[in-house]
Amino acid sequence: MRERSARIVGSPDVRFDAKVDRLGPIAANRPDLGRCWLWLAGLTRSGYGTFRLSASEQRRAHRYAWERVNGAVPDGLELDHFACDRRDCCNPAHVRPVTHQENMARGAHARKTHCPAGHPYDEFNTLVTNGRRNCKTCRADWQRRYRARINSPTTHPGSRRVNT
């Protein structure tokens, strides 16, 4: 069985450009910023392109492309695909540095209008704790079931309630 060689040939820029299709779809949110640059090589499980700079260093493709044009991403910020919402896009014009909180607020979870049980996320039914939305209806249902279990006459020994 042959071992895979860790040898990487060619400059990073030339190798990177060979793995990009610059004729992707027009950016959905910002068509004025042009086409997506689709990453044709390896993707992470979550769909981001990965690029090996050297045998020991790897980066996300969109981050490498942005850093080629703009320099390092400022400390405390991450790149947000604001123009196209495509994880496999590495067009540096389609990403911008934002805080993690801003990235999450604009992401897929923020666009959800209902909890997994189907209750609406609205001003009356939503509790926000540590930046996360929770459904008040589901929480009340869980508390009702929990109290019924704790106060049940068949509560097992060692529980909080003692049956007399």
Protein backbone atom coordinates (compact mmCIF):
# COMPACT_ATOMS: atom_id res chain seq x y z
CA MET A 1 0.00 0.00 0.00
CA ARG A 2 1.43 3.39 -1.00
CA GLU A 3 1.49 6.22 1.49
CA ARG A 4 0.05 9.52 0.45
CA SER A 5 2.68 12.18 -0.10
CA ALA A 6 2.44 15.40 1.90
CA ARG A 7 4.42 17.23 -0.80
CA ILE A 8 2.66 20.31 -2.16
CA VAL A 9 3.86 21.74 -5.46
CA GLY A 10 3.35 25.29 -6.75
CA SER A 11 2.61 28.62 -5.13
CA PRO A 12 -0.51 28.82 -2.93
CA ASP A 13 -2.10 31.45 -5.20
CA VAL A 14 -1.73 29.34 -8.35
CA ARG A 15 -3.04 26.20 -6.61
CA PHE A 16 -5.94 28.15 -5.08
CA ASP A 17 -7.02 29.67 -8.41
CA ALA A 18 -7.04 26.21 -10.01
CA LYS A 19 -9.69 25.07 -7.50
CA VAL A 20 -12.15 27.95 -8.05
CA ASP A 21 -15.02 28.27 -10.54
CA ARG A 22 -15.54 32.02 -10.92
CA LEU A 23 -18.69 31.53 -13.03
CA GLY A 24 -21.00 30.51 -10.20
CA PRO A 25 -24.49 31.92 -9.66
CA ILE A 26 -25.14 35.63 -9.09
CA ALA A 27 -25.14 36.51 -5.37
CA ALA A 28 -28.71 36.19 -4.08
CA ASN A 29 -28.63 39.01 -1.50
CA ARG A 30 -26.31 41.40 -3.38
CA PRO A 31 -26.40 40.83 -7.17
CA ASP A 32 -24.34 44.02 -7.62
CA LEU A 33 -21.33 42.17 -6.15
CA GLY A 34 -21.20 39.70 -9.02
CA ARG A 35 -20.97 35.95 -9.25
CA CYS A 36 -20.08 33.45 -6.57
CA TRP A 37 -16.66 31.83 -6.82
CA LEU A 38 -17.48 28.19 -6.12
CA TRP A 39 -14.87 26.06 -4.38
CA LEU A 40 -14.28 22.88 -6.41
CA ALA A 41 -11.98 21.02 -4.00
CA GLY A 42 -12.52 19.59 -0.52
CA LEU A 43 -15.36 20.74 1.71
CA THR A 44 -15.85 20.42 5.44
CA ARG A 45 -18.87 18.51 6.76
CA SER A 46 -20.61 21.84 7.17
CA GLY A 47 -19.93 22.80 3.53
CA TYR A 48 -17.03 25.25 3.76
CA GLY A 49 -14.14 24.95 1.29
CA THR A 50 -10.77 23.92 2.74
CA PHE A 51 -7.43 24.88 1.26
CA ARG A 52 -4.07 23.42 2.25
CA LEU A 53 -1.41 26.16 2.30
CA SER A 54 1.35 23.75 3.20
CA ALA A 55 1.74 20.22 4.50
CA SER A 56 1.00 21.47 8.02
CA GLU A 57 -1.31 24.46 7.48
CA GLN A 58 -4.91 24.51 6.24
CA ARG A 59 -7.46 27.36 5.92
CA ARG A 60 -11.04 27.84 4.90
CA ALA A 61 -11.13 28.84 1.24
CA HIS A 62 -13.23 31.99 1.74
CA ARG A 63 -10.88 33.18 4.48
CA TYR A 64 -7.78 32.62 2.31
CA ALA A 65 -9.39 34.53 -0.59
CA TRP A 66 -10.38 37.44 1.68
CA GLU A 67 -6.92 37.62 3.25
CA ARG A 68 -5.25 37.64 -0.20
CA VAL A 69 -7.12 40.85 -1.01
CA ASN A 70 -7.58 42.55 2.38
CA GLY A 71 -4.96 41.17 4.77
CA ALA A 72 -5.65 39.42 8.07
CA VAL A 73 -9.16 39.29 9.53
CA PRO A 74 -9.21 41.71 12.50
CA ASP A 75 -8.97 40.09 15.95
CA GLY A 76 -12.33 39.19 17.45
CA LEU A 77 -14.10 39.11 14.08
CA GLU A 78 -15.11 36.34 11.67
CA LEU A 79 -16.17 36.36 8.03
CA ASP A 80 -19.88 36.44 7.18
CA HIS A 81 -21.19 35.35 3.76
CA PHE A 82 -23.56 38.34 3.66
CA ALA A 83 -23.91 38.57 -0.13
CA CYS A 84 -24.77 35.00 -1.06
CA ASP A 85 -25.14 32.81 2.07
CA ARG A 86 -23.20 30.07 0.23
CA ARG A 87 -20.60 28.28 2.32
CA ASP A 88 -18.81 27.01 -0.79
CA CYS A 89 -18.37 30.55 -2.17
CA CYS A 90 -14.92 32.09 -1.82
CA ASN A 91 -15.46 35.42 -3.60
CA PRO A 92 -13.82 37.95 -1.24
CA ALA A 93 -16.44 40.57 -2.19
CA HIS A 94 -19.18 38.29 -0.80
CA VAL A 95 -17.83 38.15 2.76
CA ARG A 96 -17.20 40.80 5.40
CA PRO A 97 -15.69 40.75 8.89
CA VAL A 98 -18.32 40.87 11.65
CA THR A 99 -18.62 39.86 15.29
CA HIS A 100 -19.78 36.34 16.06
CA GLN A 101 -23.01 37.78 17.50
CA GLU A 102 -23.78 39.66 14.27
CA ASN A 103 -22.96 36.60 12.18
CA MET A 104 -25.34 34.42 14.21
CA ALA A 105 -28.08 37.07 14.24
CA ARG A 106 -28.06 37.11 10.42
CA GLY A 107 -27.62 33.37 9.99
CA ALA A 108 -30.05 30.54 9.29
CA HIS A 109 -31.26 30.29 12.90
CA ALA A 110 -32.32 33.94 12.89
CA ARG A 111 -34.54 33.32 9.85
CA LYS A 112 -36.54 30.61 11.63
CA THR A 113 -40.01 31.87 12.40
CA HIS A 114 -41.22 28.89 14.47
CA CYS A 115 -39.78 26.56 17.11
CA PRO A 116 -39.28 22.85 16.25
CA ALA A 117 -42.75 22.10 17.70
CA GLY A 118 -44.34 24.66 15.37
CA HIS A 119 -45.05 27.50 17.84
CA PRO A 120 -44.31 30.99 16.47
CA TYR A 121 -41.26 32.98 17.52
CA ASP A 122 -43.07 36.26 18.17
CA GLU A 123 -42.92 38.94 20.86
CA PHE A 124 -45.40 37.08 23.10
CA ASN A 125 -44.05 33.54 22.78
CA THR A 126 -40.28 34.13 22.71
CA LEU A 127 -37.88 34.26 25.64
CA VAL A 128 -34.33 35.36 24.80
CA THR A 129 -31.64 34.07 27.17
CA ASN A 130 -27.92 34.55 26.47
CA GLY A 131 -28.74 35.52 22.89
CA ARG A 132 -30.76 32.34 22.23
CA ARG A 133 -34.46 32.24 21.48
CA ASN A 134 -36.64 29.85 23.49
CA CYS A 135 -40.30 29.05 22.95
CA LYS A 136 -42.36 29.99 26.03
CA THR A 137 -45.09 27.47 25.12
CA CYS A 138 -42.61 24.58 24.91
CA ARG A 139 -40.92 25.71 28.13
CA ALA A 140 -44.27 25.82 29.98
CA ASP A 141 -45.15 22.32 28.66
CA TRP A 142 -41.78 20.98 29.86
CA GLN A 143 -42.24 22.57 33.32
CA ARG A 144 -45.75 21.10 33.61
CA ARG A 145 -44.47 17.59 32.79
CA TYR A 146 -41.51 18.02 35.17
CA ARG A 147 -43.72 19.11 38.09
CA ALA A 148 -46.17 16.26 37.44
CA ARG A 149 -43.29 13.77 37.51
CA ILE A 150 -41.77 15.23 40.70
CA ASN A 151 -45.12 15.41 42.52
CA SER A 152 -46.33 12.03 41.38
CA PRO A 153 -47.24 9.54 44.16
CA THR A 154 -45.13 6.94 42.36
CA THR A 155 -41.98 9.03 42.62
CA HIS A 156 -39.05 6.71 43.21
CA PRO A 157 -37.00 6.73 46.46
CA GLY A 158 -34.25 9.32 46.51
CA SER A 159 -36.29 11.95 44.71
CA ARG A 160 -37.04 15.35 46.15
CA ARG A 161 -40.57 14.50 47.30
CA VAL A 162 -41.15 12.02 50.09
CA ASN A 163 -44.40 10.05 49.87
CA THR A 164 -46.23 9.81 53.20
